[in-house]
């Protein structure tokens, strides 16, 4: 009888310890999940470009705390006027000038034309990829881009700043200065092609 009582007590203690172990494991699991909510982790490997919160600020659930991106893979986000967007197609070549790298011209190609119009600027977003890796390491730089929509081996072009209202320019002649009307062709941000009205021998005058 004494032997049986000791065995029953052992089984009882064993059962209690097992329950305590399970309770401890559950509490540890809950505590681990709770502590994980206070750890900031990114779902991608990359570089932190901007932090959106200061030390001590409250961060709510699903609220962004930083901007993270690739450190070696960049693309161009361009704005194209809605009047010109029908000329832009995937794969077209793009020549880019970046203010921070004024002595260089970068090459890219159109990757995607977004169909939604920005009602504030009446423009559409166009994404382009650099032909060669961009090693600048900066995001958000100001750029000026020319998308190649047509090529010509020979063309007469003039600075766009010389073009007057009504598509005309001032030229110098042996009889004095006069205003002539021209027919425009391809345009860029800085230059315009002249199809008719001028020759390569004409001397253009800067407008006052």
C-alpha atoms as a PDB file:
ATOM      1  CA  UNK A   1       0.000   0.000   0.000  1.00  0.00           C
ATOM      2  CA  UNK A   2       2.791   2.421   0.799  1.00  0.00           C
ATOM      3  CA  UNK A   3       4.378   1.673  -2.604  1.00  0.00           C
ATOM      4  CA  UNK A   4       1.120   2.371  -4.448  1.00  0.00           C
ATOM      5  CA  UNK A   5       0.604   5.698  -2.661  1.00  0.00           C
ATOM      6  CA  UNK A   6       4.089   6.909  -3.632  1.00  0.00           C
ATOM      7  CA  UNK A   7       3.506   5.900  -7.267  1.00  0.00           C
ATOM      8  CA  UNK A   8       0.160   7.782  -7.375  1.00  0.00           C
ATOM      9  CA  UNK A   9       1.771  10.884  -5.880  1.00  0.00           C
ATOM     10  CA  UNK A  10       4.563  10.701  -8.466  1.00  0.00           C
ATOM     11  CA  UNK A  11       2.067  10.543 -11.333  1.00  0.00           C
ATOM     12  CA  UNK A  12       0.142  13.493  -9.875  1.00  0.00           C
ATOM     13  CA  UNK A  13       3.269  15.632  -9.573  1.00  0.00           C
ATOM     14  CA  UNK A  14       4.326  14.588 -13.059  1.00  0.00           C
ATOM     15  CA  UNK A  15       0.962  15.697 -14.466  1.00  0.00           C
ATOM     16  CA  UNK A  16       1.142  19.044 -12.693  1.00  0.00           C
ATOM     17  CA  UNK A  17       4.663  19.678 -13.983  1.00  0.00           C
ATOM     18  CA  UNK A  18       3.558  18.831 -17.521  1.00  0.00           C
ATOM     19  CA  UNK A  19       0.702  21.359 -17.311  1.00  0.00           C
ATOM     20  CA  UNK A  20       3.043  24.004 -15.920  1.00  0.00           C
ATOM     21  CA  UNK A  21       5.486  23.333 -18.773  1.00  0.00           C
ATOM     22  CA  UNK A  22       2.748  23.779 -21.381  1.00  0.00           C
ATOM     23  CA  UNK A  23       1.550  26.980 -19.699  1.00  0.00           C
ATOM     24  CA  UNK A  24       5.119  28.315 -19.648  1.00  0.00           C
ATOM     25  CA  UNK A  25       5.580  27.476 -23.350  1.00  0.00           C
ATOM     26  CA  UNK A  26       2.331  29.261 -24.248  1.00  0.00           C
ATOM     27  CA  UNK A  27       3.288  32.330 -22.245  1.00  0.00           C
ATOM     28  CA  UNK A  28       6.698  32.410 -23.905  1.00  0.00           C
ATOM     29  CA  UNK A  29       5.088  32.171 -27.331  1.00  0.00           C
ATOM     30  CA  UNK A  30       2.674  35.032 -26.535  1.00  0.00           C
ATOM     31  CA  UNK A  31       5.491  37.154 -25.139  1.00  0.00           C
ATOM     32  CA  UNK A  32       7.591  36.529 -28.276  1.00  0.00           C
ATOM     33  CA  UNK A  33       4.737  37.596 -30.555  1.00  0.00           C
ATOM     34  CA  UNK A  34       4.139  40.726 -28.498  1.00  0.00           C
ATOM     35  CA  UNK A  35       7.811  41.706 -28.521  1.00  0.00           C
ATOM     36  CA  UNK A  36       7.926  41.227 -32.299  1.00  0.00           C
ATOM     37  CA  UNK A  37       5.377  43.996 -32.700  1.00  0.00           C
ATOM     38  CA  UNK A  38       7.919  46.489 -31.412  1.00  0.00           C
ATOM     39  CA  UNK A  39      10.676  45.410 -33.813  1.00  0.00           C
ATOM     40  CA  UNK A  40      11.011  47.319 -37.101  1.00  0.00           C
ATOM     41  CA  UNK A  41      11.853  45.036 -40.019  1.00  0.00           C
ATOM     42  CA  UNK A  42      11.814  45.452 -43.785  1.00  0.00           C
ATOM     43  CA  UNK A  43      10.406  42.866 -46.159  1.00  0.00           C
ATOM     44  CA  UNK A  44      13.133  43.662 -48.707  1.00  0.00           C
ATOM     45  CA  UNK A  45      16.880  44.073 -48.575  1.00  0.00           C
ATOM     46  CA  UNK A  46      17.963  47.560 -49.552  1.00  0.00           C
ATOM     47  CA  UNK A  47      19.004  51.036 -48.504  1.00  0.00           C
ATOM     48  CA  UNK A  48      17.157  53.481 -46.248  1.00  0.00           C
ATOM     49  CA  UNK A  49      16.642  56.697 -48.255  1.00  0.00           C
ATOM     50  CA  UNK A  50      14.437  58.537 -45.783  1.00  0.00           C
ATOM     51  CA  UNK A  51      13.071  58.089 -42.270  1.00  0.00           C
ATOM     52  CA  UNK A  52       9.539  59.376 -41.737  1.00  0.00           C
ATOM     53  CA  UNK A  53       9.477  59.301 -37.945  1.00  0.00           C
ATOM     54  CA  UNK A  54      11.552  60.999 -35.245  1.00  0.00           C
ATOM     55  CA  UNK A  55      12.736  59.324 -32.061  1.00  0.00           C
ATOM     56  CA  UNK A  56       9.896  59.172 -29.532  1.00  0.00           C
ATOM     57  CA  UNK A  57       7.073  59.595 -32.086  1.00  0.00           C
ATOM     58  CA  UNK A  58       4.070  57.291 -31.940  1.00  0.00           C
ATOM     59  CA  UNK A  59       3.886  54.772 -34.792  1.00  0.00           C
ATOM     60  CA  UNK A  60       0.463  53.390 -35.566  1.00  0.00           C
ATOM     61  CA  UNK A  61      -0.261  50.022 -37.115  1.00  0.00           C
ATOM     62  CA  UNK A  62       0.441  49.926 -40.899  1.00  0.00           C
ATOM     63  CA  UNK A  63       2.034  53.387 -40.787  1.00  0.00           C
ATOM     64  CA  UNK A  64       5.224  53.865 -42.851  1.00  0.00           C
ATOM     65  CA  UNK A  65       8.342  54.731 -40.878  1.00  0.00           C
ATOM     66  CA  UNK A  66      10.927  54.818 -43.690  1.00  0.00           C
ATOM     67  CA  UNK A  67      11.487  54.777 -47.451  1.00  0.00           C
ATOM     68  CA  UNK A  68      13.609  51.816 -48.526  1.00  0.00           C
ATOM     69  CA  UNK A  69      14.809  50.951 -52.013  1.00  0.00           C
ATOM     70  CA  UNK A  70      17.490  49.205 -53.968  1.00  0.00           C
ATOM     71  CA  UNK A  71      20.939  50.712 -53.658  1.00  0.00           C
ATOM     72  CA  UNK A  72      22.057  49.797 -57.181  1.00  0.00           C
ATOM     73  CA  UNK A  73      18.926  49.675 -59.358  1.00  0.00           C
ATOM     74  CA  UNK A  74      17.327  52.984 -60.407  1.00  0.00           C
ATOM     75  CA  UNK A  75      14.706  53.989 -62.952  1.00  0.00           C
ATOM     76  CA  UNK A  76      13.375  57.284 -64.339  1.00  0.00           C
ATOM     77  CA  UNK A  77       9.895  58.617 -63.615  1.00  0.00           C
ATOM     78  CA  UNK A  78       9.053  61.214 -66.250  1.00  0.00           C
ATOM     79  CA  UNK A  79       6.064  63.506 -66.798  1.00  0.00           C
ATOM     80  CA  UNK A  80       4.887  63.878 -70.404  1.00  0.00           C
ATOM     81  CA  UNK A  81       2.314  66.452 -71.473  1.00  0.00           C
ATOM     82  CA  UNK A  82      -0.996  64.878 -72.471  1.00  0.00           C
ATOM     83  CA  UNK A  83      -0.743  66.521 -75.923  1.00  0.00           C
ATOM     84  CA  UNK A  84       2.449  64.554 -76.650  1.00  0.00           C
ATOM     85  CA  UNK A  85       1.707  61.242 -74.941  1.00  0.00           C
ATOM     86  CA  UNK A  86       0.326  59.545 -78.075  1.00  0.00           C
ATOM     87  CA  UNK A  87       3.809  59.837 -79.602  1.00  0.00           C
ATOM     88  CA  UNK A  88       5.421  57.863 -76.756  1.00  0.00           C
ATOM     89  CA  UNK A  89       5.716  54.061 -76.923  1.00  0.00           C
ATOM     90  CA  UNK A  90       7.508  51.318 -75.005  1.00  0.00           C
ATOM     91  CA  UNK A  91      11.097  50.771 -76.103  1.00  0.00           C
ATOM     92  CA  UNK A  92      11.777  54.295 -77.390  1.00  0.00           C
ATOM     93  CA  UNK A  93      15.230  55.679 -76.653  1.00  0.00           C
ATOM     94  CA  UNK A  94      15.571  58.422 -74.030  1.00  0.00           C
ATOM     95  CA  UNK A  95      18.478  60.828 -73.549  1.00  0.00           C
ATOM     96  CA  UNK A  96      18.690  62.228 -70.046  1.00  0.00           C
ATOM     97  CA  UNK A  97      20.462  65.138 -68.381  1.00  0.00           C
ATOM     98  CA  UNK A  98      20.651  65.124 -64.588  1.00  0.00           C
ATOM     99  CA  UNK A  99      21.324  68.407 -62.786  1.00  0.00           C
ATOM    100  CA  UNK A 100      23.678  66.756 -60.309  1.00  0.00           C
ATOM    101  CA  UNK A 101      25.746  65.305 -63.181  1.00  0.00           C
ATOM    102  CA  UNK A 102      25.675  68.254 -65.582  1.00  0.00           C
ATOM    103  CA  UNK A 103      28.635  67.070 -67.664  1.00  0.00           C
ATOM    104  CA  UNK A 104      27.050  63.723 -68.591  1.00  0.00           C
ATOM    105  CA  UNK A 105      24.244  62.521 -70.859  1.00  0.00           C
ATOM    106  CA  UNK A 106      22.599  59.241 -69.830  1.00  0.00           C
ATOM    107  CA  UNK A 107      20.780  56.809 -72.102  1.00  0.00           C
ATOM    108  CA  UNK A 108      17.578  55.007 -71.207  1.00  0.00           C
ATOM    109  CA  UNK A 109      14.552  53.379 -72.830  1.00  0.00           C
ATOM    110  CA  UNK A 110      10.826  53.717 -72.176  1.00  0.00           C
ATOM    111  CA  UNK A 111       9.532  50.809 -70.093  1.00  0.00           C
ATOM    112  CA  UNK A 112       5.914  51.788 -69.379  1.00  0.00           C
ATOM    113  CA  UNK A 113       3.415  54.525 -70.200  1.00  0.00           C
ATOM    114  CA  UNK A 114       0.871  54.908 -67.388  1.00  0.00           C
ATOM    115  CA  UNK A 115      -2.674  55.586 -68.669  1.00  0.00           C
ATOM    116  CA  UNK A 116      -3.863  57.803 -65.787  1.00  0.00           C
ATOM    117  CA  UNK A 117      -3.707  61.583 -66.346  1.00  0.00           C
ATOM    118  CA  UNK A 118      -2.438  63.830 -63.550  1.00  0.00           C
ATOM    119  CA  UNK A 119      -5.279  66.362 -63.481  1.00  0.00           C
ATOM    120  CA  UNK A 120      -3.163  69.021 -61.738  1.00  0.00           C
ATOM    121  CA  UNK A 121      -0.398  69.073 -64.363  1.00  0.00           C
ATOM    122  CA  UNK A 122      -2.327  67.592 -67.312  1.00  0.00           C
ATOM    123  CA  UNK A 123       0.469  65.105 -67.832  1.00  0.00           C
ATOM    124  CA  UNK A 124       1.011  61.361 -67.757  1.00  0.00           C
ATOM    125  CA  UNK A 125       3.688  59.332 -66.032  1.00  0.00           C
ATOM    126  CA  UNK A 126       6.253  57.498 -68.138  1.00  0.00           C
ATOM    127  CA  UNK A 127       8.804  55.109 -66.618  1.00  0.00           C
ATOM    128  CA  UNK A 128      12.166  54.476 -68.274  1.00  0.00           C
ATOM    129  CA  UNK A 129      15.112  52.208 -67.446  1.00  0.00           C
ATOM    130  CA  UNK A 130      18.747  53.247 -67.713  1.00  0.00           C
ATOM    131  CA  UNK A 131      20.618  51.455 -70.493  1.00  0.00           C
ATOM    132  CA  UNK A 132      23.648  51.150 -68.203  1.00  0.00           C
ATOM    133  CA  UNK A 133      23.547  50.921 -64.389  1.00  0.00           C
ATOM    134  CA  UNK A 134      23.219  54.344 -62.774  1.00  0.00           C
ATOM    135  CA  UNK A 135      25.938  54.598 -60.148  1.00  0.00           C
ATOM    136  CA  UNK A 136      24.901  57.952 -58.698  1.00  0.00           C
ATOM    137  CA  UNK A 137      23.405  56.450 -55.566  1.00  0.00           C
ATOM    138  CA  UNK A 138      20.766  59.190 -55.164  1.00  0.00           C
ATOM    139  CA  UNK A 139      16.989  58.990 -55.539  1.00  0.00           C
ATOM    140  CA  UNK A 140      14.676  61.879 -56.471  1.00  0.00           C
ATOM    141  CA  UNK A 141      17.157  63.895 -58.565  1.00  0.00           C
ATOM    142  CA  UNK A 142      15.813  66.472 -61.039  1.00  0.00           C
ATOM    143  CA  UNK A 143      16.175  65.368 -64.663  1.00  0.00           C
ATOM    144  CA  UNK A 144      15.486  66.664 -68.156  1.00  0.00           C
ATOM    145  CA  UNK A 145      14.729  63.956 -70.692  1.00  0.00           C
ATOM    146  CA  UNK A 146      14.293  63.840 -74.452  1.00  0.00           C
ATOM    147  CA  UNK A 147      12.317  60.864 -75.763  1.00  0.00           C
ATOM    148  CA  UNK A 148      13.299  59.984 -79.339  1.00  0.00           C
ATOM    149  CA  UNK A 149      10.089  59.693 -81.351  1.00  0.00           C
ATOM    150  CA  UNK A 150      11.642  60.150 -84.790  1.00  0.00           C
ATOM    151  CA  UNK A 151      15.116  60.194 -86.349  1.00  0.00           C
ATOM    152  CA  UNK A 152      16.537  62.151 -89.259  1.00  0.00           C
ATOM    153  CA  UNK A 153      20.049  62.003 -90.660  1.00  0.00           C
ATOM    154  CA  UNK A 154      20.023  65.681 -91.693  1.00  0.00           C
ATOM    155  CA  UNK A 155      17.807  68.437 -90.298  1.00  0.00           C
ATOM    156  CA  UNK A 156      17.822  72.217 -89.924  1.00  0.00           C
ATOM    157  CA  UNK A 157      17.287  73.110 -86.266  1.00  0.00           C
ATOM    158  CA  UNK A 158      17.238  76.403 -84.391  1.00  0.00           C
ATOM    159  CA  UNK A 159      17.178  77.261 -80.673  1.00  0.00           C
ATOM    160  CA  UNK A 160      13.612  77.243 -79.444  1.00  0.00           C
ATOM    161  CA  UNK A 161      14.233  80.528 -77.631  1.00  0.00           C
ATOM    162  CA  UNK A 162      14.462  82.304 -81.022  1.00  0.00           C
ATOM    163  CA  UNK A 163      10.999  81.211 -82.110  1.00  0.00           C
ATOM    164  CA  UNK A 164       8.383  83.964 -81.876  1.00  0.00           C
ATOM    165  CA  UNK A 165       4.644  83.712 -81.405  1.00  0.00           C
ATOM    166  CA  UNK A 166       3.030  82.481 -84.608  1.00  0.00           C
ATOM    167  CA  UNK A 167       6.039  80.329 -85.535  1.00  0.00           C
ATOM    168  CA  UNK A 168       8.220  83.088 -86.928  1.00  0.00           C
ATOM    169  CA  UNK A 169      11.777  84.373 -86.430  1.00  0.00           C
ATOM    170  CA  UNK A 170      13.789  87.524 -87.104  1.00  0.00           C
ATOM    171  CA  UNK A 171      16.590  87.207 -89.679  1.00  0.00           C
ATOM    172  CA  UNK A 172      19.258  89.615 -90.917  1.00  0.00           C
ATOM    173  CA  UNK A 173      19.278  90.408 -94.637  1.00  0.00           C
ATOM    174  CA  UNK A 174      21.204  92.853 -96.831  1.00  0.00           C
ATOM    175  CA  UNK A 175      18.089  95.055 -96.847  1.00  0.00           C
ATOM    176  CA  UNK A 176      17.738  95.014 -93.058  1.00  0.00           C
ATOM    177  CA  UNK A 177      16.155  92.834 -90.409  1.00  0.00           C
ATOM    178  CA  UNK A 178      12.855  91.182 -91.179  1.00  0.00           C
ATOM    179  CA  UNK A 179      10.430  88.699 -89.708  1.00  0.00           C
ATOM    180  CA  UNK A 180       9.765  85.437 -91.546  1.00  0.00           C
ATOM    181  CA  UNK A 181       7.320  82.632 -90.858  1.00  0.00           C
ATOM    182  CA  UNK A 182       8.625  79.072 -90.562  1.00  0.00           C
ATOM    183  CA  UNK A 183       7.105  75.612 -90.635  1.00  0.00           C
ATOM    184  CA  UNK A 184       8.076  73.523 -87.604  1.00  0.00           C
ATOM    185  CA  UNK A 185       8.980  69.867 -87.505  1.00  0.00           C
ATOM    186  CA  UNK A 186      10.286  67.854 -84.568  1.00  0.00           C
ATOM    187  CA  UNK A 187      10.623  69.735 -81.269  1.00  0.00           C
ATOM    188  CA  UNK A 188      12.661  69.146 -78.137  1.00  0.00           C
ATOM    189  CA  UNK A 189      12.805  71.167 -74.931  1.00  0.00           C
ATOM    190  CA  UNK A 190      15.599  73.335 -76.353  1.00  0.00           C
ATOM    191  CA  UNK A 191      15.450  73.075 -80.144  1.00  0.00           C
ATOM    192  CA  UNK A 192      12.960  72.966 -82.993  1.00  0.00           C
ATOM    193  CA  UNK A 193      13.323  71.610 -86.515  1.00  0.00           C
ATOM    194  CA  UNK A 194      12.541  74.000 -89.369  1.00  0.00           C
ATOM    195  CA  UNK A 195      10.984  72.398 -92.432  1.00  0.00           C
ATOM    196  CA  UNK A 196      10.284  75.554 -94.452  1.00  0.00           C
ATOM    197  CA  UNK A 197      11.064  79.277 -94.277  1.00  0.00           C
ATOM    198  CA  UNK A 198      14.797  79.220 -93.499  1.00  0.00           C
ATOM    199  CA  UNK A 199      18.070  77.997 -94.962  1.00  0.00           C
ATOM    200  CA  UNK A 200      21.345  77.155 -93.270  1.00  0.00           C
ATOM    201  CA  UNK A 201      22.765  80.472 -94.537  1.00  0.00           C
ATOM    202  CA  UNK A 202      20.225  82.676 -92.717  1.00  0.00           C
ATOM    203  CA  UNK A 203      21.456  84.683 -89.733  1.00  0.00           C
ATOM    204  CA  UNK A 204      18.909  84.639 -86.906  1.00  0.00           C
ATOM    205  CA  UNK A 205      18.459  87.475 -84.425  1.00  0.00           C
ATOM    206  CA  UNK A 206      17.668  87.217 -80.756  1.00  0.00           C
ATOM    207  CA  UNK A 207      14.227  88.594 -79.980  1.00  0.00           C
ATOM    208  CA  UNK A 208      14.027  91.621 -77.670  1.00  0.00           C
END
